[in-house]
């Protein structure tokens, strides 16, 4: 409300014809509001940059772990080389790969991943389902409290499911 009061006073004065002293009042209004607003905007911009960089690093790490799991489990252990888009790099190309594929492991590895993900969700039931619905429920019904183990169990269940 403190920010809106000077704007309301200026608007009330501006209802008549525009004069030169109205422009000086406008400049004084801008300088009156600028320190408070720039401090807020600067802090908000800093928080946006910090959240964006942190989320970018976490997303890149998540993707790198998933790529490593695919390389270790599917390509090295099972011998299955998935198709890749043109230009996408792979540590070992399909032409250089010499081991044969073990077909029954292609079905077993995802099933084991699903079982491990189910085991994680058995001990930490909050990881089942999406993350947004749990966060909204925690905010509205539990005072914003989320158990610490959920923070680590949710990505672990995702690695088992996707990897």
N, C-alpha and C. Protein backbone atom coordinates (compact mmCIF):
# COMPACT_ATOMS: atom_id res chain seq x y z
N UNK A 1 0.81 -1.19 0.00
CA UNK A 1 0.00 0.00 0.00
C UNK A 1 0.86 1.26 0.00
N UNK A 2 2.05 1.19 0.58
CA UNK A 2 2.91 2.37 0.61
C UNK A 2 3.34 2.79 -0.78
N UNK A 3 3.50 1.85 -1.68
CA UNK A 3 3.89 2.18 -3.05
C UNK A 3 2.73 2.79 -3.80
N UNK A 4 1.51 2.35 -3.54
CA UNK A 4 0.36 2.84 -4.29
C UNK A 4 -0.10 4.22 -3.86
N UNK A 5 0.18 4.63 -2.63
CA UNK A 5 -0.28 5.94 -2.15
C UNK A 5 0.32 7.10 -2.96
N UNK A 6 1.62 7.17 -3.23
CA UNK A 6 2.13 8.27 -4.07
C UNK A 6 1.58 8.23 -5.49
N UNK A 7 1.37 7.04 -6.03
CA UNK A 7 0.78 6.95 -7.36
C UNK A 7 -0.65 7.49 -7.37
N UNK A 8 -1.40 7.18 -6.33
CA UNK A 8 -2.78 7.68 -6.25
C UNK A 8 -2.79 9.21 -6.13
N UNK A 9 -1.87 9.78 -5.32
CA UNK A 9 -1.81 11.24 -5.20
C UNK A 9 -1.46 11.87 -6.54
N UNK A 10 -0.50 11.28 -7.26
CA UNK A 10 -0.11 11.82 -8.55
C UNK A 10 -1.27 11.73 -9.54
N UNK A 11 -1.99 10.63 -9.54
CA UNK A 11 -3.12 10.45 -10.45
C UNK A 11 -4.22 11.47 -10.14
N UNK A 12 -4.47 11.74 -8.87
CA UNK A 12 -5.48 12.73 -8.50
C UNK A 12 -5.09 14.12 -8.99
N UNK A 13 -3.80 14.45 -8.94
CA UNK A 13 -3.34 15.76 -9.41
C UNK A 13 -3.35 15.83 -10.93
N UNK A 14 -3.22 14.70 -11.58
CA UNK A 14 -3.09 14.67 -13.02
C UNK A 14 -4.44 14.74 -13.74
N UNK A 15 -5.53 14.69 -13.02
CA UNK A 15 -6.84 14.70 -13.65
C UNK A 15 -7.11 15.99 -14.42
N UNK A 16 -6.52 17.07 -14.01
CA UNK A 16 -6.68 18.33 -14.71
C UNK A 16 -5.77 18.39 -15.92
N UNK A 17 -5.61 19.57 -16.53
CA UNK A 17 -4.71 19.70 -17.68
C UNK A 17 -3.25 19.48 -17.26
N UNK A 18 -2.46 18.93 -18.16
CA UNK A 18 -1.07 18.61 -17.89
C UNK A 18 -0.24 19.89 -17.89
N UNK A 19 0.53 20.10 -16.82
CA UNK A 19 1.38 21.28 -16.68
C UNK A 19 2.83 20.82 -16.54
N UNK A 20 3.75 21.75 -16.64
CA UNK A 20 5.17 21.43 -16.53
C UNK A 20 5.50 20.94 -15.13
N UNK A 21 4.89 21.55 -14.10
CA UNK A 21 5.20 21.11 -12.74
C UNK A 21 4.66 19.69 -12.48
N UNK A 22 3.68 19.23 -13.29
CA UNK A 22 3.23 17.85 -13.16
C UNK A 22 4.34 16.88 -13.57
N UNK A 23 5.11 17.27 -14.59
CA UNK A 23 6.21 16.42 -15.01
C UNK A 23 7.30 16.36 -13.95
N UNK A 24 7.54 17.48 -13.27
CA UNK A 24 8.52 17.45 -12.18
C UNK A 24 7.99 16.60 -11.04
N UNK A 25 6.67 16.64 -10.80
CA UNK A 25 6.10 15.77 -9.77
C UNK A 25 6.26 14.31 -10.16
N UNK A 26 6.10 14.02 -11.46
CA UNK A 26 6.27 12.66 -11.91
C UNK A 26 7.71 12.20 -11.70
N UNK A 27 8.67 13.04 -12.02
CA UNK A 27 10.07 12.66 -11.81
C UNK A 27 10.38 12.49 -10.32
N UNK A 28 9.79 13.34 -9.47
CA UNK A 28 10.00 13.17 -8.04
C UNK A 28 9.33 11.89 -7.54
N UNK A 29 8.20 11.54 -8.13
CA UNK A 29 7.53 10.29 -7.77
C UNK A 29 8.41 9.09 -8.13
N UNK A 30 9.02 9.13 -9.31
CA UNK A 30 9.88 8.03 -9.74
C UNK A 30 11.10 7.93 -8.84
N UNK A 31 11.70 9.06 -8.49
CA UNK A 31 12.87 9.00 -7.61
C UNK A 31 12.47 8.61 -6.20
N UNK A 32 11.25 8.92 -5.80
CA UNK A 32 10.78 8.52 -4.47
C UNK A 32 10.60 7.01 -4.39
N UNK A 33 10.12 6.39 -5.45
CA UNK A 33 9.85 4.96 -5.46
C UNK A 33 11.05 4.13 -5.87
N UNK A 34 12.02 4.70 -6.55
CA UNK A 34 13.10 3.94 -7.14
C UNK A 34 13.95 3.16 -6.14
N UNK A 35 14.40 3.71 -5.00
CA UNK A 35 15.27 2.92 -4.14
C UNK A 35 14.60 1.65 -3.61
N UNK A 36 13.37 1.76 -3.19
CA UNK A 36 12.66 0.59 -2.69
C UNK A 36 12.46 -0.44 -3.79
N UNK A 37 12.03 0.01 -4.95
CA UNK A 37 11.71 -0.91 -6.02
C UNK A 37 12.97 -1.53 -6.62
N UNK A 38 14.03 -0.78 -6.79
CA UNK A 38 15.25 -1.32 -7.37
C UNK A 38 15.90 -2.34 -6.42
N UNK A 39 15.79 -2.11 -5.14
CA UNK A 39 16.32 -3.07 -4.18
C UNK A 39 15.55 -4.38 -4.29
N UNK A 40 14.23 -4.28 -4.41
CA UNK A 40 13.39 -5.46 -4.56
C UNK A 40 13.65 -6.16 -5.89
N UNK A 41 13.74 -5.38 -6.97
CA UNK A 41 13.98 -5.96 -8.29
C UNK A 41 15.35 -6.60 -8.35
N UNK A 42 16.36 -5.97 -7.78
CA UNK A 42 17.70 -6.54 -7.76
C UNK A 42 17.75 -7.85 -7.00
N UNK A 43 17.10 -7.89 -5.87
CA UNK A 43 17.07 -9.12 -5.08
C UNK A 43 16.32 -10.22 -5.83
N UNK A 44 15.22 -9.85 -6.48
CA UNK A 44 14.44 -10.83 -7.24
C UNK A 44 15.25 -11.36 -8.42
N UNK A 45 15.95 -10.47 -9.12
CA UNK A 45 16.78 -10.91 -10.24
C UNK A 45 17.89 -11.83 -9.76
N UNK A 46 18.49 -11.50 -8.64
CA UNK A 46 19.55 -12.35 -8.10
C UNK A 46 19.00 -13.73 -7.75
N UNK A 47 17.82 -13.79 -7.14
CA UNK A 47 17.21 -15.07 -6.81
C UNK A 47 16.87 -15.86 -8.07
N UNK A 48 16.40 -15.16 -9.11
CA UNK A 48 16.08 -15.84 -10.36
C UNK A 48 17.33 -16.45 -10.98
N UNK A 49 18.41 -15.73 -10.98
CA UNK A 49 19.66 -16.25 -11.54
C UNK A 49 20.16 -17.44 -10.72
N UNK A 50 20.11 -17.31 -9.42
CA UNK A 50 20.57 -18.39 -8.54
C UNK A 50 19.74 -19.66 -8.73
N UNK A 51 18.43 -19.53 -8.77
CA UNK A 51 17.56 -20.69 -8.98
C UNK A 51 17.78 -21.28 -10.37
N UNK A 52 17.91 -20.45 -11.39
CA UNK A 52 18.12 -20.94 -12.75
C UNK A 52 19.42 -21.70 -12.91
N UNK A 53 20.50 -21.15 -12.37
CA UNK A 53 21.80 -21.82 -12.48
C UNK A 53 21.79 -23.13 -11.69
N UNK A 54 21.22 -23.11 -10.49
CA UNK A 54 21.15 -24.32 -9.69
C UNK A 54 20.31 -25.39 -10.37
N UNK A 55 19.15 -25.01 -10.89
CA UNK A 55 18.30 -25.98 -11.58
C UNK A 55 18.99 -26.51 -12.84
N UNK A 56 19.73 -25.67 -13.53
CA UNK A 56 20.46 -26.12 -14.71
C UNK A 56 21.52 -27.15 -14.37
N UNK A 57 22.28 -26.90 -13.31
CA UNK A 57 23.30 -27.86 -12.90
C UNK A 57 22.68 -29.16 -12.42
N UNK A 58 21.59 -29.09 -11.68
CA UNK A 58 20.94 -30.31 -11.20
C UNK A 58 20.37 -31.09 -12.38
N UNK A 59 19.75 -30.40 -13.33
CA UNK A 59 19.23 -31.08 -14.52
C UNK A 59 20.33 -31.72 -15.35
N UNK A 60 21.46 -31.03 -15.51
CA UNK A 60 22.57 -31.60 -16.27
C UNK A 60 23.16 -32.81 -15.55
N UNK A 61 23.26 -32.75 -14.22
CA UNK A 61 23.76 -33.89 -13.47
C UNK A 61 22.80 -35.08 -13.56
N UNK A 62 21.51 -34.81 -13.50
CA UNK A 62 20.50 -35.87 -13.63
C UNK A 62 20.63 -36.54 -14.99
N UNK A 63 20.75 -35.76 -16.05
CA UNK A 63 20.90 -36.31 -17.39
C UNK A 63 22.19 -37.10 -17.53
N UNK A 64 23.28 -36.60 -16.95
CA UNK A 64 24.57 -37.31 -17.03
C UNK A 64 24.50 -38.65 -16.31
N UNK A 65 23.82 -38.70 -15.17
CA UNK A 65 23.69 -39.97 -14.45
C UNK A 65 22.85 -40.95 -15.25
N UNK A 66 21.77 -40.47 -15.87
CA UNK A 66 20.96 -41.35 -16.71
C UNK A 66 21.75 -41.88 -17.90
N UNK A 67 22.56 -41.05 -18.52
CA UNK A 67 23.40 -41.50 -19.63
C UNK A 67 24.42 -42.53 -19.16
N UNK A 68 24.98 -42.30 -18.00
CA UNK A 68 25.94 -43.26 -17.45
C UNK A 68 25.27 -44.60 -17.16
N UNK A 69 24.05 -44.57 -16.58
CA UNK A 69 23.32 -45.81 -16.32
C UNK A 69 23.01 -46.56 -17.62
N UNK A 70 22.62 -45.83 -18.65
CA UNK A 70 22.36 -46.47 -19.93
C UNK A 70 23.62 -47.10 -20.48
N UNK A 71 24.72 -46.40 -20.39
CA UNK A 71 26.00 -46.93 -20.89
C UNK A 71 26.40 -48.17 -20.10
N UNK A 72 26.30 -48.11 -18.78
CA UNK A 72 26.76 -49.22 -17.96
C UNK A 72 25.84 -50.43 -18.05
N UNK A 73 24.53 -50.21 -17.97
CA UNK A 73 23.61 -51.34 -17.92
C UNK A 73 23.26 -51.88 -19.30
N UNK A 74 22.78 -51.02 -20.17
CA UNK A 74 22.31 -51.51 -21.47
C UNK A 74 23.44 -51.82 -22.43
N UNK A 75 24.37 -50.89 -22.58
CA UNK A 75 25.39 -51.06 -23.61
C UNK A 75 26.51 -52.00 -23.17
N UNK A 76 27.04 -51.82 -21.98
CA UNK A 76 28.18 -52.63 -21.54
C UNK A 76 27.74 -53.99 -21.01
N UNK A 77 26.71 -54.03 -20.16
CA UNK A 77 26.30 -55.27 -19.52
C UNK A 77 25.45 -56.16 -20.44
N UNK A 78 24.44 -55.56 -21.06
CA UNK A 78 23.51 -56.33 -21.90
C UNK A 78 24.02 -56.45 -23.33
N UNK A 79 24.71 -55.43 -23.81
CA UNK A 79 25.20 -55.44 -25.18
C UNK A 79 24.23 -54.81 -26.16
N UNK A 80 23.21 -54.14 -25.68
CA UNK A 80 22.20 -53.51 -26.53
C UNK A 80 22.59 -52.07 -26.79
N UNK A 81 22.70 -51.68 -28.04
CA UNK A 81 23.03 -50.31 -28.42
C UNK A 81 21.77 -49.65 -28.94
N UNK A 82 21.20 -48.70 -28.20
CA UNK A 82 19.99 -48.02 -28.69
C UNK A 82 20.32 -47.09 -29.84
N UNK A 83 19.34 -46.84 -30.67
CA UNK A 83 19.52 -45.91 -31.78
C UNK A 83 19.69 -44.50 -31.24
N UNK A 84 20.55 -43.74 -31.89
CA UNK A 84 20.79 -42.37 -31.48
C UNK A 84 20.53 -41.45 -32.67
N UNK A 85 20.21 -40.22 -32.37
CA UNK A 85 20.00 -39.23 -33.42
C UNK A 85 21.32 -38.91 -34.10
N UNK A 86 21.24 -38.47 -35.34
CA UNK A 86 22.45 -38.13 -36.08
C UNK A 86 23.17 -36.98 -35.38
N UNK A 87 24.44 -37.17 -35.14
CA UNK A 87 25.23 -36.14 -34.48
C UNK A 87 25.31 -36.31 -32.98
N UNK A 88 24.49 -37.17 -32.42
CA UNK A 88 24.55 -37.41 -30.98
C UNK A 88 25.73 -38.32 -30.71
N UNK A 89 26.58 -37.91 -29.80
CA UNK A 89 27.78 -38.69 -29.56
C UNK A 89 27.49 -39.84 -28.61
N UNK A 90 28.21 -40.91 -28.80
CA UNK A 90 28.13 -42.07 -27.91
C UNK A 90 29.56 -42.52 -27.66
N UNK A 91 29.80 -43.09 -26.50
CA UNK A 91 31.15 -43.54 -26.17
C UNK A 91 31.60 -44.65 -27.11
N UNK A 92 30.70 -45.56 -27.42
CA UNK A 92 31.00 -46.66 -28.33
C UNK A 92 29.91 -46.67 -29.39
N UNK A 93 30.30 -46.60 -30.65
CA UNK A 93 29.28 -46.62 -31.69
C UNK A 93 28.84 -48.06 -31.95
N UNK A 94 27.72 -48.22 -32.60
CA UNK A 94 27.17 -49.55 -32.86
C UNK A 94 28.08 -50.35 -33.78
N UNK A 95 28.83 -49.70 -34.66
CA UNK A 95 29.72 -50.42 -35.56
C UNK A 95 30.94 -50.96 -34.84
N UNK A 96 31.40 -50.27 -33.80
CA UNK A 96 32.59 -50.70 -33.07
C UNK A 96 32.26 -51.72 -31.99
N UNK A 97 30.99 -51.89 -31.69
CA UNK A 97 30.57 -52.77 -30.61
C UNK A 97 30.74 -54.23 -31.04
N UNK A 98 31.46 -55.03 -30.28
CA UNK A 98 31.78 -56.40 -30.69
C UNK A 98 31.01 -57.45 -29.92
N UNK A 99 30.55 -57.15 -28.70
CA UNK A 99 29.87 -58.18 -27.93
C UNK A 99 28.45 -58.38 -28.46
N UNK A 100 27.93 -59.57 -28.25
CA UNK A 100 26.58 -59.86 -28.72
C UNK A 100 25.57 -59.47 -27.65
N UNK A 101 24.37 -59.19 -28.11
CA UNK A 101 23.30 -58.79 -27.20
C UNK A 101 22.71 -60.02 -26.53
N UNK A 102 22.44 -59.90 -25.24
CA UNK A 102 21.78 -60.96 -24.50
C UNK A 102 20.30 -60.58 -24.44
N UNK A 103 19.46 -61.20 -25.28
CA UNK A 103 18.08 -60.72 -25.45
C UNK A 103 17.24 -60.79 -24.17
N UNK A 104 17.37 -61.80 -23.37
CA UNK A 104 16.52 -61.92 -22.19
C UNK A 104 16.86 -60.86 -21.15
N UNK A 105 18.11 -60.35 -21.15
CA UNK A 105 18.47 -59.29 -20.21
C UNK A 105 17.84 -57.95 -20.61
N UNK A 106 17.50 -57.80 -21.89
CA UNK A 106 16.84 -56.57 -22.33
C UNK A 106 15.49 -56.42 -21.62
N UNK A 107 14.87 -57.53 -21.28
CA UNK A 107 13.59 -57.49 -20.55
C UNK A 107 13.78 -57.50 -19.04
N UNK A 108 14.84 -58.12 -18.56
CA UNK A 108 15.06 -58.26 -17.11
C UNK A 108 15.53 -56.96 -16.49
N UNK A 109 16.43 -56.23 -17.14
CA UNK A 109 17.00 -55.00 -16.57
C UNK A 109 15.92 -53.95 -16.28
N UNK A 110 15.01 -53.64 -17.21
CA UNK A 110 13.94 -52.68 -16.86
C UNK A 110 13.02 -53.18 -15.75
N UNK A 111 12.79 -54.51 -15.72
CA UNK A 111 11.95 -55.06 -14.65
C UNK A 111 12.61 -54.90 -13.29
N UNK A 112 13.91 -55.11 -13.24
CA UNK A 112 14.64 -54.91 -11.97
C UNK A 112 14.61 -53.44 -11.57
N UNK A 113 14.74 -52.55 -12.54
CA UNK A 113 14.64 -51.12 -12.24
C UNK A 113 13.28 -50.75 -11.69
N UNK A 114 12.23 -51.32 -12.27
CA UNK A 114 10.87 -51.08 -11.76
C UNK A 114 10.70 -51.62 -10.35
N UNK A 115 11.25 -52.81 -10.09
CA UNK A 115 11.16 -53.38 -8.74
C UNK A 115 11.91 -52.53 -7.72
N UNK A 116 13.08 -52.05 -8.09
CA UNK A 116 13.85 -51.19 -7.17
C UNK A 116 13.13 -49.87 -6.92
N UNK A 117 12.51 -49.33 -7.98
CA UNK A 117 11.74 -48.10 -7.80
C UNK A 117 10.54 -48.34 -6.89
N UNK A 118 9.88 -49.49 -7.06
CA UNK A 118 8.77 -49.84 -6.17
C UNK A 118 9.22 -50.05 -4.75
N UNK A 119 10.42 -50.59 -4.57
CA UNK A 119 10.96 -50.79 -3.22
C UNK A 119 11.22 -49.44 -2.54
N UNK A 120 11.75 -48.49 -3.31
CA UNK A 120 11.97 -47.15 -2.75
C UNK A 120 10.65 -46.52 -2.37
N UNK A 121 9.63 -46.66 -3.23
CA UNK A 121 8.34 -46.05 -2.91
C UNK A 121 7.62 -46.79 -1.78
N UNK A 122 8.01 -48.02 -1.51
CA UNK A 122 7.43 -48.75 -0.38
C UNK A 122 7.92 -48.16 0.94
N UNK A 123 9.20 -47.79 0.99
CA UNK A 123 9.77 -47.25 2.23
C UNK A 123 9.55 -45.74 2.36
N UNK A 124 9.42 -45.07 1.24
CA UNK A 124 9.14 -43.63 1.25
C UNK A 124 7.92 -43.41 0.36
N UNK A 125 6.72 -43.50 0.92
CA UNK A 125 5.51 -43.46 0.09
C UNK A 125 5.28 -42.13 -0.63
N UNK A 126 5.96 -41.09 -0.21
CA UNK A 126 5.77 -39.78 -0.84
C UNK A 126 6.34 -39.72 -2.25
N UNK A 127 7.21 -40.67 -2.64
CA UNK A 127 7.81 -40.60 -3.97
C UNK A 127 6.87 -41.11 -5.05
N UNK A 128 5.81 -41.79 -4.69
CA UNK A 128 4.86 -42.28 -5.68
C UNK A 128 4.12 -41.11 -6.31
N UNK A 129 3.98 -41.15 -7.62
CA UNK A 129 3.28 -40.08 -8.33
C UNK A 129 4.20 -38.92 -8.67
N UNK A 130 3.59 -37.84 -9.11
CA UNK A 130 4.36 -36.66 -9.50
C UNK A 130 4.85 -35.88 -8.30
N UNK A 131 5.74 -34.95 -8.54
CA UNK A 131 6.30 -34.17 -7.44
C UNK A 131 5.48 -32.95 -7.09
N UNK A 132 4.77 -32.40 -8.07
CA UNK A 132 4.03 -31.16 -7.81
C UNK A 132 2.85 -31.40 -6.88
N UNK A 133 2.15 -32.51 -7.05
CA UNK A 133 1.00 -32.75 -6.19
C UNK A 133 1.41 -32.96 -4.73
N UNK A 134 2.56 -33.59 -4.52
CA UNK A 134 3.04 -33.77 -3.15
C UNK A 134 3.47 -32.42 -2.54
N UNK A 135 4.12 -31.58 -3.33
CA UNK A 135 4.54 -30.26 -2.83
C UNK A 135 3.33 -29.40 -2.49
N UNK A 136 2.30 -29.44 -3.31
CA UNK A 136 1.09 -28.66 -3.03
C UNK A 136 0.40 -29.18 -1.78
N UNK A 137 0.34 -30.51 -1.63
CA UNK A 137 -0.27 -31.09 -0.44
C UNK A 137 0.53 -30.73 0.81
N UNK A 138 1.84 -30.77 0.71
CA UNK A 138 2.67 -30.41 1.87
C UNK A 138 2.47 -28.94 2.23
N UNK A 139 2.33 -28.08 1.25
CA UNK A 139 2.13 -26.66 1.53
C UNK A 139 0.79 -26.40 2.20
N UNK A 140 -0.27 -27.03 1.70
CA UNK A 140 -1.61 -26.74 2.20
C UNK A 140 -1.97 -27.49 3.47
N UNK A 141 -1.45 -28.70 3.65
CA UNK A 141 -1.89 -29.52 4.77
C UNK A 141 -0.83 -29.79 5.84
N UNK A 142 0.44 -29.59 5.52
CA UNK A 142 1.50 -29.92 6.47
C UNK A 142 2.42 -28.75 6.78
N UNK A 143 1.95 -27.56 6.52
CA UNK A 143 2.75 -26.37 6.82
C UNK A 143 4.01 -26.25 5.98
N UNK A 144 4.04 -26.85 4.79
CA UNK A 144 5.20 -26.78 3.92
C UNK A 144 6.31 -27.74 4.29
N UNK A 145 6.05 -28.66 5.22
CA UNK A 145 7.07 -29.59 5.68
C UNK A 145 7.18 -30.78 4.74
N UNK A 146 8.39 -31.05 4.26
CA UNK A 146 8.69 -32.23 3.45
C UNK A 146 9.85 -32.95 4.12
N UNK A 147 9.69 -34.25 4.34
CA UNK A 147 10.75 -35.00 5.02
C UNK A 147 12.02 -35.01 4.17
N UNK A 148 13.18 -35.00 4.84
CA UNK A 148 14.45 -34.93 4.13
C UNK A 148 14.69 -36.13 3.24
N UNK A 149 14.26 -37.28 3.65
CA UNK A 149 14.52 -38.47 2.84
C UNK A 149 13.76 -38.43 1.51
N UNK A 150 12.69 -37.65 1.43
CA UNK A 150 11.96 -37.54 0.16
C UNK A 150 12.83 -36.84 -0.88
N UNK A 151 13.62 -35.89 -0.44
CA UNK A 151 14.47 -35.13 -1.36
C UNK A 151 15.48 -36.05 -2.05
N UNK A 152 15.94 -37.07 -1.35
CA UNK A 152 16.91 -38.00 -1.93
C UNK A 152 16.23 -39.22 -2.56
N UNK A 153 15.09 -39.63 -2.03
CA UNK A 153 14.43 -40.82 -2.54
C UNK A 153 13.74 -40.58 -3.88
N UNK A 154 13.24 -39.38 -4.10
CA UNK A 154 12.54 -39.06 -5.36
C UNK A 154 13.48 -39.20 -6.56
N UNK A 155 14.67 -38.58 -6.56
CA UNK A 155 15.57 -38.80 -7.69
C UNK A 155 16.05 -40.24 -7.80
N UNK A 156 16.25 -40.92 -6.67
CA UNK A 156 16.69 -42.31 -6.71
C UNK A 156 15.65 -43.19 -7.39
N UNK A 157 14.38 -43.00 -7.06
CA UNK A 157 13.31 -43.76 -7.72
C UNK A 157 13.26 -43.41 -9.20
N UNK A 158 13.52 -42.17 -9.55
CA UNK A 158 13.53 -41.77 -10.97
C UNK A 158 14.69 -42.42 -11.71
N UNK A 159 15.85 -42.51 -11.07
CA UNK A 159 16.99 -43.18 -11.71
C UNK A 159 16.68 -44.65 -11.95
N UNK A 160 16.07 -45.31 -10.98
CA UNK A 160 15.73 -46.72 -11.16
C UNK A 160 14.69 -46.89 -12.26
N UNK A 161 13.73 -45.99 -12.34
CA UNK A 161 12.68 -46.10 -13.34
C UNK A 161 13.21 -45.80 -14.74
N UNK A 162 13.93 -44.70 -14.89
CA UNK A 162 14.38 -44.27 -16.22
C UNK A 162 15.68 -44.94 -16.66
N UNK A 163 16.55 -45.23 -15.70
CA UNK A 163 17.86 -45.78 -16.04
C UNK A 163 17.81 -47.25 -16.35
